[in-house]
Amino acid sequence: MLRILYVCVSFFVSFLVTNVWLFRFNKETPFRGGDAKNMIEEFAIYGLDINTMYLVGSLKVIASVGLIIGLLKTKFSVYSSLLMAILMTGAIYFHFKISDPAIKYFPSVLMLICSIFIYFSSKRILKTS
């Protein structure tokens, strides 16, 4: 049962994060920080420059790919989920910093919880293998 949930949650996080950074980058969503209409505006509202935005985006996509690789090589999930959890903690911080309502940072909180679940699940799977 743990393995099935681990696989489902890994796909969920990977799909959602990749979708945001590769396919919804220039699109308006109800979850963008402040009144931003795209990712560039969102990072500007947070007071972050475009280089930081591309660094964060690259790290999130790398972590997402790592979660998928981790389904075959579990050790990848340990590191990828840890990286994702750190990045999601940062996202939550910036939403709080600009006083966004809860709905704006709900996806980041959900991804953080999922990343923590993946981290501990992958550690347990490695231990029992």
N, C-alpha and C. Protein backbone atom coordinates (compact mmCIF):
# COMPACT_ATOMS: atom_id res chain seq x y z
N MET A 1 0.82 -1.20 0.00
CA MET A 1 0.00 0.00 0.00
C MET A 1 0.87 1.27 0.00
N LEU A 2 1.93 1.27 0.82
CA LEU A 2 2.82 2.43 0.87
C LEU A 2 3.43 2.70 -0.51
N ARG A 3 3.85 1.63 -1.17
CA ARG A 3 4.48 1.78 -2.49
C ARG A 3 3.52 2.40 -3.50
N ILE A 4 2.27 1.99 -3.48
CA ILE A 4 1.27 2.53 -4.42
C ILE A 4 1.05 4.01 -4.16
N LEU A 5 0.89 4.37 -2.90
CA LEU A 5 0.69 5.77 -2.53
C LEU A 5 1.92 6.61 -2.89
N TYR A 6 3.09 6.06 -2.64
CA TYR A 6 4.36 6.71 -2.97
C TYR A 6 4.43 7.01 -4.47
N VAL A 7 4.06 6.05 -5.30
CA VAL A 7 4.08 6.22 -6.76
C VAL A 7 3.07 7.30 -7.17
N CYS A 8 1.86 7.22 -6.64
CA CYS A 8 0.81 8.19 -6.99
C CYS A 8 1.20 9.61 -6.59
N VAL A 9 1.69 9.77 -5.39
CA VAL A 9 2.06 11.10 -4.90
C VAL A 9 3.26 11.64 -5.68
N SER A 10 4.20 10.78 -6.02
CA SER A 10 5.36 11.21 -6.82
C SER A 10 4.93 11.71 -8.19
N PHE A 11 4.04 10.98 -8.84
CA PHE A 11 3.52 11.43 -10.14
C PHE A 11 2.76 12.75 -9.99
N PHE A 12 1.94 12.86 -8.95
CA PHE A 12 1.14 14.05 -8.70
C PHE A 12 2.03 15.29 -8.57
N VAL A 13 3.03 15.22 -7.71
CA VAL A 13 3.93 16.36 -7.49
C VAL A 13 4.69 16.68 -8.77
N SER A 14 5.23 15.67 -9.39
CA SER A 14 6.01 15.88 -10.60
C SER A 14 5.17 16.53 -11.70
N PHE A 15 3.96 16.01 -11.89
CA PHE A 15 3.08 16.56 -12.93
C PHE A 15 2.71 18.01 -12.63
N LEU A 16 2.29 18.27 -11.40
CA LEU A 16 1.83 19.62 -11.04
C LEU A 16 2.95 20.65 -11.16
N VAL A 17 4.10 20.34 -10.63
CA VAL A 17 5.20 21.31 -10.65
C VAL A 17 5.70 21.53 -12.08
N THR A 18 5.83 20.46 -12.84
CA THR A 18 6.26 20.60 -14.24
C THR A 18 5.24 21.40 -15.04
N ASN A 19 3.97 21.15 -14.80
CA ASN A 19 2.90 21.87 -15.49
C ASN A 19 3.00 23.38 -15.23
N VAL A 20 3.21 23.75 -13.98
CA VAL A 20 3.30 25.17 -13.62
C VAL A 20 4.50 25.82 -14.30
N TRP A 21 5.64 25.17 -14.28
CA TRP A 21 6.86 25.80 -14.78
C TRP A 21 7.06 25.69 -16.29
N LEU A 22 6.50 24.67 -16.92
CA LEU A 22 6.71 24.53 -18.36
C LEU A 22 5.50 24.90 -19.21
N PHE A 23 4.30 24.73 -18.69
CA PHE A 23 3.11 24.94 -19.51
C PHE A 23 2.24 26.10 -19.05
N ARG A 24 2.36 26.52 -17.80
CA ARG A 24 1.54 27.61 -17.29
C ARG A 24 2.39 28.82 -16.88
N PHE A 25 3.62 28.83 -17.33
CA PHE A 25 4.58 29.87 -16.98
C PHE A 25 4.06 31.27 -17.29
N ASN A 26 3.48 31.44 -18.46
CA ASN A 26 2.99 32.76 -18.89
C ASN A 26 1.48 32.90 -18.75
N LYS A 27 0.87 32.03 -17.97
CA LYS A 27 -0.58 32.05 -17.83
C LYS A 27 -0.98 32.53 -16.43
N GLU A 28 -2.12 33.17 -16.38
CA GLU A 28 -2.68 33.63 -15.11
C GLU A 28 -3.33 32.45 -14.40
N THR A 29 -3.11 32.36 -13.10
CA THR A 29 -3.78 31.34 -12.28
C THR A 29 -4.22 32.02 -10.98
N PRO A 30 -5.18 31.43 -10.29
CA PRO A 30 -5.61 32.03 -9.01
C PRO A 30 -4.57 31.89 -7.90
N PHE A 31 -3.48 31.18 -8.18
CA PHE A 31 -2.48 30.91 -7.15
C PHE A 31 -1.23 31.78 -7.27
N ARG A 32 -1.16 32.61 -8.28
CA ARG A 32 0.00 33.50 -8.44
C ARG A 32 0.07 34.50 -7.28
N GLY A 33 1.28 34.80 -6.87
CA GLY A 33 1.46 35.74 -5.78
C GLY A 33 0.99 37.14 -6.14
N GLY A 34 0.39 37.81 -5.17
CA GLY A 34 -0.09 39.18 -5.40
C GLY A 34 -1.09 39.22 -6.53
N ASP A 35 -0.90 40.19 -7.42
CA ASP A 35 -1.78 40.34 -8.59
C ASP A 35 -1.07 39.90 -9.87
N ALA A 36 -0.06 39.06 -9.74
CA ALA A 36 0.74 38.66 -10.90
C ALA A 36 -0.09 37.88 -11.91
N LYS A 37 0.21 38.12 -13.18
CA LYS A 37 -0.48 37.43 -14.26
C LYS A 37 0.37 36.34 -14.89
N ASN A 38 1.66 36.31 -14.53
CA ASN A 38 2.57 35.28 -15.04
C ASN A 38 3.73 35.11 -14.05
N MET A 39 4.59 34.18 -14.35
CA MET A 39 5.68 33.85 -13.43
C MET A 39 6.67 35.01 -13.25
N ILE A 40 6.96 35.72 -14.31
CA ILE A 40 7.92 36.84 -14.23
C ILE A 40 7.37 37.92 -13.29
N GLU A 41 6.09 38.27 -13.45
CA GLU A 41 5.47 39.26 -12.57
C GLU A 41 5.43 38.77 -11.12
N GLU A 42 5.16 37.48 -10.94
CA GLU A 42 5.08 36.92 -9.59
C GLU A 42 6.41 37.07 -8.86
N PHE A 43 7.51 36.72 -9.51
CA PHE A 43 8.81 36.83 -8.87
C PHE A 43 9.18 38.30 -8.60
N ALA A 44 8.76 39.19 -9.50
CA ALA A 44 9.00 40.63 -9.28
C ALA A 44 8.24 41.11 -8.04
N ILE A 45 7.01 40.63 -7.87
CA ILE A 45 6.23 41.00 -6.68
C ILE A 45 6.93 40.52 -5.41
N TYR A 46 7.58 39.36 -5.47
CA TYR A 46 8.31 38.84 -4.32
C TYR A 46 9.63 39.59 -4.08
N GLY A 47 10.02 40.44 -5.03
CA GLY A 47 11.27 41.17 -4.91
C GLY A 47 12.46 40.37 -5.41
N LEU A 48 12.20 39.37 -6.25
CA LEU A 48 13.27 38.51 -6.77
C LEU A 48 13.49 38.80 -8.25
N ASP A 49 14.73 38.67 -8.68
CA ASP A 49 15.04 38.97 -10.08
C ASP A 49 14.81 37.77 -10.99
N ILE A 50 14.95 38.02 -12.27
CA ILE A 50 14.66 37.00 -13.28
C ILE A 50 15.64 35.82 -13.21
N ASN A 51 16.89 36.09 -12.82
CA ASN A 51 17.87 35.00 -12.69
C ASN A 51 17.47 34.05 -11.57
N THR A 52 16.97 34.61 -10.48
CA THR A 52 16.50 33.78 -9.37
C THR A 52 15.30 32.95 -9.82
N MET A 53 14.41 33.58 -10.60
CA MET A 53 13.24 32.86 -11.11
C MET A 53 13.68 31.65 -11.94
N TYR A 54 14.61 31.86 -12.85
CA TYR A 54 15.06 30.75 -13.70
C TYR A 54 15.80 29.68 -12.89
N LEU A 55 16.55 30.09 -11.88
CA LEU A 55 17.22 29.12 -11.01
C LEU A 55 16.19 28.27 -10.26
N VAL A 56 15.21 28.93 -9.64
CA VAL A 56 14.17 28.20 -8.90
C VAL A 56 13.40 27.28 -9.85
N GLY A 57 13.03 27.79 -11.01
CA GLY A 57 12.30 26.97 -11.98
C GLY A 57 13.10 25.76 -12.42
N SER A 58 14.38 25.97 -12.70
CA SER A 58 15.24 24.85 -13.11
C SER A 58 15.34 23.81 -12.01
N LEU A 59 15.53 24.27 -10.78
CA LEU A 59 15.63 23.33 -9.65
C LEU A 59 14.33 22.56 -9.45
N LYS A 60 13.20 23.23 -9.62
CA LYS A 60 11.91 22.54 -9.46
C LYS A 60 11.69 21.50 -10.56
N VAL A 61 12.05 21.83 -11.78
CA VAL A 61 11.90 20.86 -12.88
C VAL A 61 12.88 19.70 -12.68
N ILE A 62 14.09 19.99 -12.26
CA ILE A 62 15.07 18.92 -11.97
C ILE A 62 14.54 18.01 -10.86
N ALA A 63 14.00 18.61 -9.81
CA ALA A 63 13.44 17.80 -8.71
C ALA A 63 12.26 16.97 -9.21
N SER A 64 11.43 17.53 -10.08
CA SER A 64 10.29 16.80 -10.64
C SER A 64 10.75 15.59 -11.45
N VAL A 65 11.75 15.79 -12.28
CA VAL A 65 12.31 14.68 -13.06
C VAL A 65 12.92 13.65 -12.12
N GLY A 66 13.60 14.12 -11.09
CA GLY A 66 14.18 13.22 -10.09
C GLY A 66 13.14 12.36 -9.40
N LEU A 67 11.96 12.92 -9.16
CA LEU A 67 10.88 12.13 -8.54
C LEU A 67 10.44 10.99 -9.46
N ILE A 68 10.41 11.26 -10.75
CA ILE A 68 10.03 10.20 -11.71
C ILE A 68 11.14 9.15 -11.79
N ILE A 69 12.38 9.59 -11.88
CA ILE A 69 13.51 8.64 -11.89
C ILE A 69 13.49 7.83 -10.59
N GLY A 70 13.11 8.49 -9.50
CA GLY A 70 13.07 7.84 -8.20
C GLY A 70 12.10 6.68 -8.12
N LEU A 71 11.16 6.60 -9.04
CA LEU A 71 10.25 5.46 -9.07
C LEU A 71 10.98 4.19 -9.48
N LEU A 72 12.08 4.36 -10.19
CA LEU A 72 12.92 3.21 -10.59
C LEU A 72 14.15 3.08 -9.70
N LYS A 73 14.70 4.20 -9.32
CA LYS A 73 15.88 4.25 -8.44
C LYS A 73 15.50 5.08 -7.22
N THR A 74 15.03 4.43 -6.19
CA THR A 74 14.43 5.10 -5.03
C THR A 74 15.33 6.16 -4.40
N LYS A 75 16.62 5.98 -4.46
CA LYS A 75 17.53 6.95 -3.85
C LYS A 75 17.35 8.35 -4.46
N PHE A 76 16.99 8.42 -5.74
CA PHE A 76 16.72 9.70 -6.39
C PHE A 76 15.57 10.43 -5.69
N SER A 77 14.58 9.67 -5.25
CA SER A 77 13.42 10.28 -4.58
C SER A 77 13.80 10.94 -3.27
N VAL A 78 14.74 10.35 -2.57
CA VAL A 78 15.17 10.93 -1.29
C VAL A 78 15.68 12.35 -1.52
N TYR A 79 16.59 12.51 -2.46
CA TYR A 79 17.19 13.82 -2.71
C TYR A 79 16.24 14.77 -3.43
N SER A 80 15.49 14.25 -4.38
CA SER A 80 14.56 15.10 -5.13
C SER A 80 13.44 15.63 -4.25
N SER A 81 12.91 14.78 -3.39
CA SER A 81 11.82 15.23 -2.51
C SER A 81 12.34 16.22 -1.47
N LEU A 82 13.56 16.03 -1.01
CA LEU A 82 14.16 16.97 -0.07
C LEU A 82 14.34 18.34 -0.73
N LEU A 83 14.86 18.35 -1.95
CA LEU A 83 15.01 19.59 -2.70
C LEU A 83 13.65 20.25 -2.92
N MET A 84 12.66 19.47 -3.30
CA MET A 84 11.33 20.01 -3.55
C MET A 84 10.75 20.60 -2.26
N ALA A 85 10.94 19.92 -1.15
CA ALA A 85 10.43 20.43 0.14
C ALA A 85 11.07 21.77 0.49
N ILE A 86 12.36 21.89 0.26
CA ILE A 86 13.07 23.15 0.53
C ILE A 86 12.51 24.27 -0.35
N LEU A 87 12.33 23.97 -1.63
CA LEU A 87 11.81 24.97 -2.56
C LEU A 87 10.38 25.37 -2.21
N MET A 88 9.57 24.42 -1.79
CA MET A 88 8.19 24.73 -1.42
C MET A 88 8.13 25.54 -0.12
N THR A 89 9.06 25.29 0.77
CA THR A 89 9.14 26.10 2.00
C THR A 89 9.45 27.55 1.62
N GLY A 90 10.34 27.73 0.66
CA GLY A 90 10.64 29.07 0.16
C GLY A 90 9.42 29.72 -0.48
N ALA A 91 8.67 28.97 -1.25
CA ALA A 91 7.46 29.50 -1.90
C ALA A 91 6.46 29.97 -0.85
N ILE A 92 6.27 29.17 0.18
CA ILE A 92 5.34 29.52 1.26
C ILE A 92 5.82 30.80 1.95
N TYR A 93 7.10 30.89 2.21
CA TYR A 93 7.67 32.07 2.84
C TYR A 93 7.34 33.33 2.03
N PHE A 94 7.55 33.28 0.72
CA PHE A 94 7.32 34.47 -0.10
C PHE A 94 5.84 34.83 -0.20
N HIS A 95 4.96 33.84 -0.20
CA HIS A 95 3.52 34.14 -0.16
C HIS A 95 3.17 34.86 1.15
N PHE A 96 3.73 34.38 2.26
CA PHE A 96 3.49 35.03 3.56
C PHE A 96 4.08 36.45 3.56
N LYS A 97 5.26 36.58 2.99
CA LYS A 97 5.96 37.87 2.99
C LYS A 97 5.11 38.97 2.36
N ILE A 98 4.36 38.63 1.32
CA ILE A 98 3.54 39.65 0.66
C ILE A 98 2.08 39.59 1.13
N SER A 99 1.83 38.84 2.19
CA SER A 99 0.49 38.75 2.81
C SER A 99 -0.58 38.21 1.86
N ASP A 100 -0.23 37.20 1.08
CA ASP A 100 -1.22 36.55 0.21
C ASP A 100 -2.26 35.83 1.06
N PRO A 101 -3.49 35.74 0.56
CA PRO A 101 -4.49 34.93 1.25
C PRO A 101 -4.13 33.45 1.13
N ALA A 102 -4.67 32.63 2.01
CA ALA A 102 -4.33 31.20 2.08
C ALA A 102 -4.49 30.47 0.75
N ILE A 103 -5.49 30.81 -0.03
CA ILE A 103 -5.73 30.11 -1.30
C ILE A 103 -4.53 30.24 -2.23
N LYS A 104 -3.79 31.33 -2.13
CA LYS A 104 -2.64 31.56 -3.01
C LYS A 104 -1.48 30.62 -2.68
N TYR A 105 -1.30 30.28 -1.41
CA TYR A 105 -0.18 29.41 -1.06
C TYR A 105 -0.60 27.98 -0.75
N PHE A 106 -1.88 27.69 -0.91
CA PHE A 106 -2.35 26.32 -0.69
C PHE A 106 -1.58 25.29 -1.54
N PRO A 107 -1.37 25.53 -2.86
CA PRO A 107 -0.62 24.53 -3.65
C PRO A 107 0.79 24.29 -3.11
N SER A 108 1.45 25.34 -2.65
CA SER A 108 2.81 25.18 -2.10
C SER A 108 2.79 24.34 -0.83
N VAL A 109 1.79 24.57 0.01
CA VAL A 109 1.66 23.79 1.24
C VAL A 109 1.39 22.33 0.90
N LEU A 110 0.49 22.11 -0.06
CA LEU A 110 0.17 20.73 -0.48
C LEU A 110 1.41 20.04 -1.05
N MET A 111 2.18 20.74 -1.89
CA MET A 111 3.40 20.16 -2.46
C MET A 111 4.44 19.89 -1.38
N LEU A 112 4.51 20.76 -0.37
CA LEU A 112 5.44 20.54 0.75
C LEU A 112 5.05 19.28 1.51
N ILE A 113 3.78 19.12 1.83
CA ILE A 113 3.32 17.92 2.54
C ILE A 113 3.59 16.68 1.72
N CYS A 114 3.29 16.74 0.43
CA CYS A 114 3.55 15.59 -0.45
C CYS A 114 5.04 15.27 -0.52
N SER A 115 5.87 16.30 -0.61
CA SER A 115 7.32 16.09 -0.69
C SER A 115 7.86 15.45 0.59
N ILE A 116 7.34 15.87 1.72
CA ILE A 116 7.75 15.26 2.99
C ILE A 116 7.31 13.80 3.03
N PHE A 117 6.09 13.53 2.56
CA PHE A 117 5.62 12.14 2.49
C PHE A 117 6.53 11.30 1.59
N ILE A 118 6.87 11.82 0.41
CA ILE A 118 7.74 11.09 -0.52
C ILE A 118 9.10 10.84 0.12
N TYR A 119 9.64 11.85 0.80
CA TYR A 119 10.94 11.70 1.45
C TYR A 119 10.93 10.53 2.44
N PHE A 120 9.99 10.55 3.37
CA PHE A 120 9.96 9.50 4.39
C PHE A 120 9.57 8.14 3.81
N SER A 121 8.70 8.14 2.82
CA SER A 121 8.33 6.87 2.17
C SER A 121 9.52 6.26 1.44
N SER A 122 10.26 7.09 0.72
CA SER A 122 11.40 6.57 -0.03
C SER A 122 12.48 6.05 0.92
N LYS A 123 12.68 6.74 2.06
CA LYS A 123 13.64 6.25 3.06
C LYS A 123 13.19 4.88 3.59
N ARG A 124 11.90 4.74 3.84
CA ARG A 124 11.38 3.46 4.36
C ARG A 124 11.47 2.36 3.31
N ILE A 125 11.18 2.70 2.06
CA ILE A 125 11.28 1.72 0.98
C ILE A 125 12.73 1.26 0.82
N LEU A 126 13.68 2.20 0.91
CA LEU A 126 15.10 1.84 0.81
C LEU A 126 15.50 0.91 1.96
N LYS A 127 14.99 1.19 3.14
CA LYS A 127 15.34 0.39 4.32
C LYS A 127 14.82 -1.04 4.21
N THR A 128 13.66 -1.23 3.60
CA THR A 128 13.07 -2.56 3.49
C THR A 128 13.52 -3.32 2.25
N SER A 129 14.26 -2.64 1.38
CA SER A 129 14.71 -3.30 0.13
C SER A 129 15.95 -4.14 0.35
